[in-house]
């Protein structure tokens, strides 16, 4: 079950391109199809380290404009956000975005096996929306809810997999870390993790 949930968490990185004219559902569906096309491209069916890096870059170009990283960063740190200096807030936002990319794009590359993504429903309330999709696995469909904000286009600020929130998951980890250590040490720890993931991808 945990392996299944971990895989479905990676699916949120399939969301990328945003246009103000798109509905929340369209802001999920359009880039999802773009990323699936990259994953299915003939030249990437046998991934050398060089091709894996090239494919990773293509996926990141689609992904990076779909998330409201400022809100994600603030919510993930929670009560400790006020203890960050302005410079540390910017540094954390940048490094956290890179961590998410390096963690989950890698997993998408490793685990995508032509799973079907079903677009189920969208609910809009003023400047917020929730989009539900199902990822069809071998034995069942896994529900995923994307929580979005209208910020000159619909941007993702949280993802819930079978009731599990990405934001709450990271907040729990960061709360434990920041209870004992400083924002600077957290930034350094995340940066170190990113370098580790990059080296692993080259193997």
Protein backbone atom coordinates (compact mmCIF):
# COMPACT_ATOMS: atom_id res chain seq x y z
CA UNK A 1 0.00 0.00 0.00
CA UNK A 2 2.76 2.48 0.89
CA UNK A 3 4.54 1.75 -2.39
CA UNK A 4 1.29 2.41 -4.26
CA UNK A 5 0.70 5.67 -2.41
CA UNK A 6 4.29 6.77 -2.97
CA UNK A 7 3.93 6.18 -6.69
CA UNK A 8 0.70 8.13 -6.90
CA UNK A 9 2.36 11.04 -5.11
CA UNK A 10 4.69 11.34 -8.07
CA UNK A 11 1.79 11.90 -10.43
CA UNK A 12 1.27 15.45 -9.18
CA UNK A 13 4.48 16.44 -10.94
CA UNK A 14 2.87 15.64 -14.28
CA UNK A 15 0.97 18.92 -14.05
CA UNK A 16 2.66 21.80 -15.80
CA UNK A 17 1.58 24.49 -18.26
CA UNK A 18 -0.98 27.08 -17.16
CA UNK A 19 -2.95 29.68 -19.06
CA UNK A 20 -5.33 32.15 -17.49
CA UNK A 21 -8.04 31.07 -19.94
CA UNK A 22 -7.92 27.47 -18.79
CA UNK A 23 -10.34 26.04 -16.24
CA UNK A 24 -8.86 24.22 -13.24
CA UNK A 25 -9.55 20.87 -14.90
CA UNK A 26 -7.95 21.99 -18.15
CA UNK A 27 -4.96 23.30 -16.20
CA UNK A 28 -4.44 19.75 -14.97
CA UNK A 29 -5.36 17.80 -18.11
CA UNK A 30 -3.43 19.71 -20.76
CA UNK A 31 0.03 19.47 -19.19
CA UNK A 32 -0.62 15.92 -18.02
CA UNK A 33 -1.02 14.87 -21.62
CA UNK A 34 2.12 16.82 -22.56
CA UNK A 35 4.18 14.97 -19.96
CA UNK A 36 2.76 11.60 -20.92
CA UNK A 37 3.82 12.34 -24.50
CA UNK A 38 7.36 13.02 -23.30
CA UNK A 39 7.40 9.79 -21.30
CA UNK A 40 6.18 7.82 -24.32
CA UNK A 41 8.52 9.43 -26.85
CA UNK A 42 10.38 6.83 -28.91
CA UNK A 43 13.81 8.26 -28.15
CA UNK A 44 13.23 7.83 -24.41
CA UNK A 45 12.20 4.18 -24.40
CA UNK A 46 15.75 3.15 -23.50
CA UNK A 47 17.13 5.70 -21.07
CA UNK A 48 20.86 6.23 -20.94
CA UNK A 49 22.03 8.65 -18.21
CA UNK A 50 22.26 11.38 -20.86
CA UNK A 51 18.76 10.72 -22.21
CA UNK A 52 17.33 10.46 -18.70
CA UNK A 53 18.71 13.92 -17.95
CA UNK A 54 17.35 15.29 -21.22
CA UNK A 55 13.90 13.84 -20.53
CA UNK A 56 14.05 15.15 -16.95
CA UNK A 57 14.69 18.64 -18.28
CA UNK A 58 11.77 18.45 -20.70
CA UNK A 59 9.43 17.38 -17.92
CA UNK A 60 10.66 20.16 -15.62
CA UNK A 61 9.97 22.78 -18.30
CA UNK A 62 6.34 21.67 -18.28
CA UNK A 63 6.08 21.26 -14.51
CA UNK A 64 7.71 24.36 -13.08
CA UNK A 65 4.98 26.88 -13.88
CA UNK A 66 2.11 24.86 -12.41
CA UNK A 67 2.79 25.31 -8.71
CA UNK A 68 2.39 28.22 -6.33
CA UNK A 69 5.73 27.60 -4.65
CA UNK A 70 5.48 30.64 -2.37
CA UNK A 71 2.28 29.32 -0.79
CA UNK A 72 3.56 25.74 -0.76
CA UNK A 73 6.72 26.85 1.06
CA UNK A 74 4.88 28.91 3.66
CA UNK A 75 2.29 26.22 4.38
CA UNK A 76 4.90 23.47 4.56
CA UNK A 77 6.95 25.35 7.15
CA UNK A 78 3.85 26.45 9.06
CA UNK A 79 4.40 28.22 12.37
CA UNK A 80 8.17 28.50 11.79
CA UNK A 81 7.78 30.67 8.67
CA UNK A 82 8.03 33.88 10.69
CA UNK A 83 11.45 32.80 11.98
CA UNK A 84 12.88 32.86 8.45
CA UNK A 85 14.51 36.07 7.28
CA UNK A 86 13.37 37.50 3.92
CA UNK A 87 16.49 36.09 2.30
CA UNK A 88 15.97 32.69 3.92
CA UNK A 89 12.35 32.61 2.72
CA UNK A 90 13.49 33.14 -0.86
CA UNK A 91 16.31 30.60 -0.54
CA UNK A 92 13.97 28.05 1.01
CA UNK A 93 11.35 28.53 -1.69
CA UNK A 94 13.96 27.98 -4.42
CA UNK A 95 15.56 24.94 -2.82
CA UNK A 96 12.23 23.37 -1.86
CA UNK A 97 10.98 23.67 -5.45
CA UNK A 98 14.17 21.97 -6.64
CA UNK A 99 13.80 19.24 -4.04
CA UNK A 100 10.25 18.47 -5.12
CA UNK A 101 11.36 18.36 -8.75
CA UNK A 102 14.37 16.15 -8.14
CA UNK A 103 12.44 13.79 -5.89
CA UNK A 104 9.28 13.23 -7.88
CA UNK A 105 10.27 13.66 -11.53
CA UNK A 106 12.78 10.87 -10.95
CA UNK A 107 9.97 8.64 -9.65
CA UNK A 108 7.73 9.46 -12.59
CA UNK A 109 10.54 8.44 -14.94
CA UNK A 110 11.08 5.19 -13.08
CA UNK A 111 7.47 4.17 -12.49
CA UNK A 112 5.35 5.36 -15.40
CA UNK A 113 3.91 2.27 -17.13
CA UNK A 114 1.15 3.78 -19.27
CA UNK A 115 -1.19 4.17 -16.31
CA UNK A 116 -4.45 5.84 -17.30
CA UNK A 117 -5.30 9.19 -15.73
CA UNK A 118 -9.04 9.82 -15.46
CA UNK A 119 -10.31 13.38 -15.03
CA UNK A 120 -13.28 13.13 -12.68
CA UNK A 121 -14.51 16.47 -11.37
CA UNK A 122 -13.70 20.08 -10.50
CA UNK A 123 -15.15 22.30 -7.79
CA UNK A 124 -14.59 26.05 -7.90
CA UNK A 125 -15.20 28.47 -5.03
CA UNK A 126 -14.16 32.04 -5.74
CA UNK A 127 -10.36 31.99 -6.09
CA UNK A 128 -9.89 28.36 -5.05
CA UNK A 129 -10.60 25.06 -6.73
CA UNK A 130 -10.26 21.34 -6.26
CA UNK A 131 -9.74 18.97 -9.17
CA UNK A 132 -10.19 15.24 -8.70
CA UNK A 133 -8.49 12.71 -10.91
CA UNK A 134 -8.11 8.95 -10.64
CA UNK A 135 -4.93 7.08 -11.50
CA UNK A 136 -5.75 3.59 -12.72
CA UNK A 137 -3.40 1.05 -11.16
CA UNK A 138 -3.52 -2.71 -11.69
CA UNK A 139 -6.02 -3.47 -8.94
CA UNK A 140 -7.89 -0.21 -8.34
CA UNK A 141 -8.21 3.51 -9.06
CA UNK A 142 -6.38 5.86 -6.71
CA UNK A 143 -8.12 9.22 -6.12
CA UNK A 144 -5.99 12.36 -6.18
CA UNK A 145 -7.27 15.85 -5.34
CA UNK A 146 -5.34 18.89 -6.54
CA UNK A 147 -6.01 22.02 -4.52
CA UNK A 148 -5.52 25.13 -6.63
CA UNK A 149 -5.45 28.92 -6.39
CA UNK A 150 -6.37 31.42 -9.10
CA UNK A 151 -3.27 33.59 -9.41
CA UNK A 152 -3.40 34.83 -13.02
CA UNK A 153 -3.95 31.18 -13.87
CA UNK A 154 -4.79 28.12 -11.77
CA UNK A 155 -1.79 26.97 -9.71
CA UNK A 156 -1.45 23.92 -7.48
CA UNK A 157 -0.73 24.54 -3.81
CA UNK A 158 -1.47 21.11 -2.32
CA UNK A 159 -2.09 17.53 -3.40
CA UNK A 160 -4.12 14.97 -1.45
CA UNK A 161 -3.65 11.27 -2.15
CA UNK A 162 -6.25 9.04 -0.52
CA UNK A 163 -6.72 11.75 2.10
CA UNK A 164 -3.00 12.29 2.66
CA UNK A 165 -1.87 15.90 2.14
CA UNK A 166 1.53 16.71 0.61
CA UNK A 167 1.63 19.93 2.65
CA UNK A 168 0.89 18.19 5.95
CA UNK A 169 3.44 15.49 5.21
CA UNK A 170 6.25 18.01 4.70
CA UNK A 171 5.08 20.21 7.58
CA UNK A 172 5.42 17.27 9.93
CA UNK A 173 8.99 16.67 8.76
CA UNK A 174 9.97 20.35 8.88
CA UNK A 175 8.37 20.89 12.30
CA UNK A 176 10.54 18.17 13.75
CA UNK A 177 13.67 19.58 12.10
CA UNK A 178 13.05 23.25 12.98
CA UNK A 179 12.20 22.43 16.59
CA UNK A 180 15.90 21.76 17.08
CA UNK A 181 17.67 23.49 14.20
CA UNK A 182 17.69 26.77 12.30
CA UNK A 183 16.14 27.72 8.94
CA UNK A 184 19.65 28.00 7.50
CA UNK A 185 20.41 24.41 8.54
CA UNK A 186 17.16 23.24 6.92
CA UNK A 187 18.06 24.96 3.66
CA UNK A 188 21.51 23.37 3.76
CA UNK A 189 20.03 19.93 4.45
CA UNK A 190 17.63 20.21 1.50
CA UNK A 191 20.40 21.42 -0.77
CA UNK A 192 22.52 18.44 0.23
CA UNK A 193 19.62 16.09 -0.53
CA UNK A 194 19.19 17.64 -3.97
CA UNK A 195 22.86 17.06 -4.79
CA UNK A 196 22.52 13.44 -3.66
CA UNK A 197 19.49 12.89 -5.91
CA UNK A 198 21.28 14.46 -8.88
CA UNK A 199 24.27 12.17 -8.43
CA UNK A 200 22.01 9.12 -8.17
CA UNK A 201 20.30 10.08 -11.42
CA UNK A 202 23.63 10.05 -13.26
CA UNK A 203 24.31 6.39 -12.39
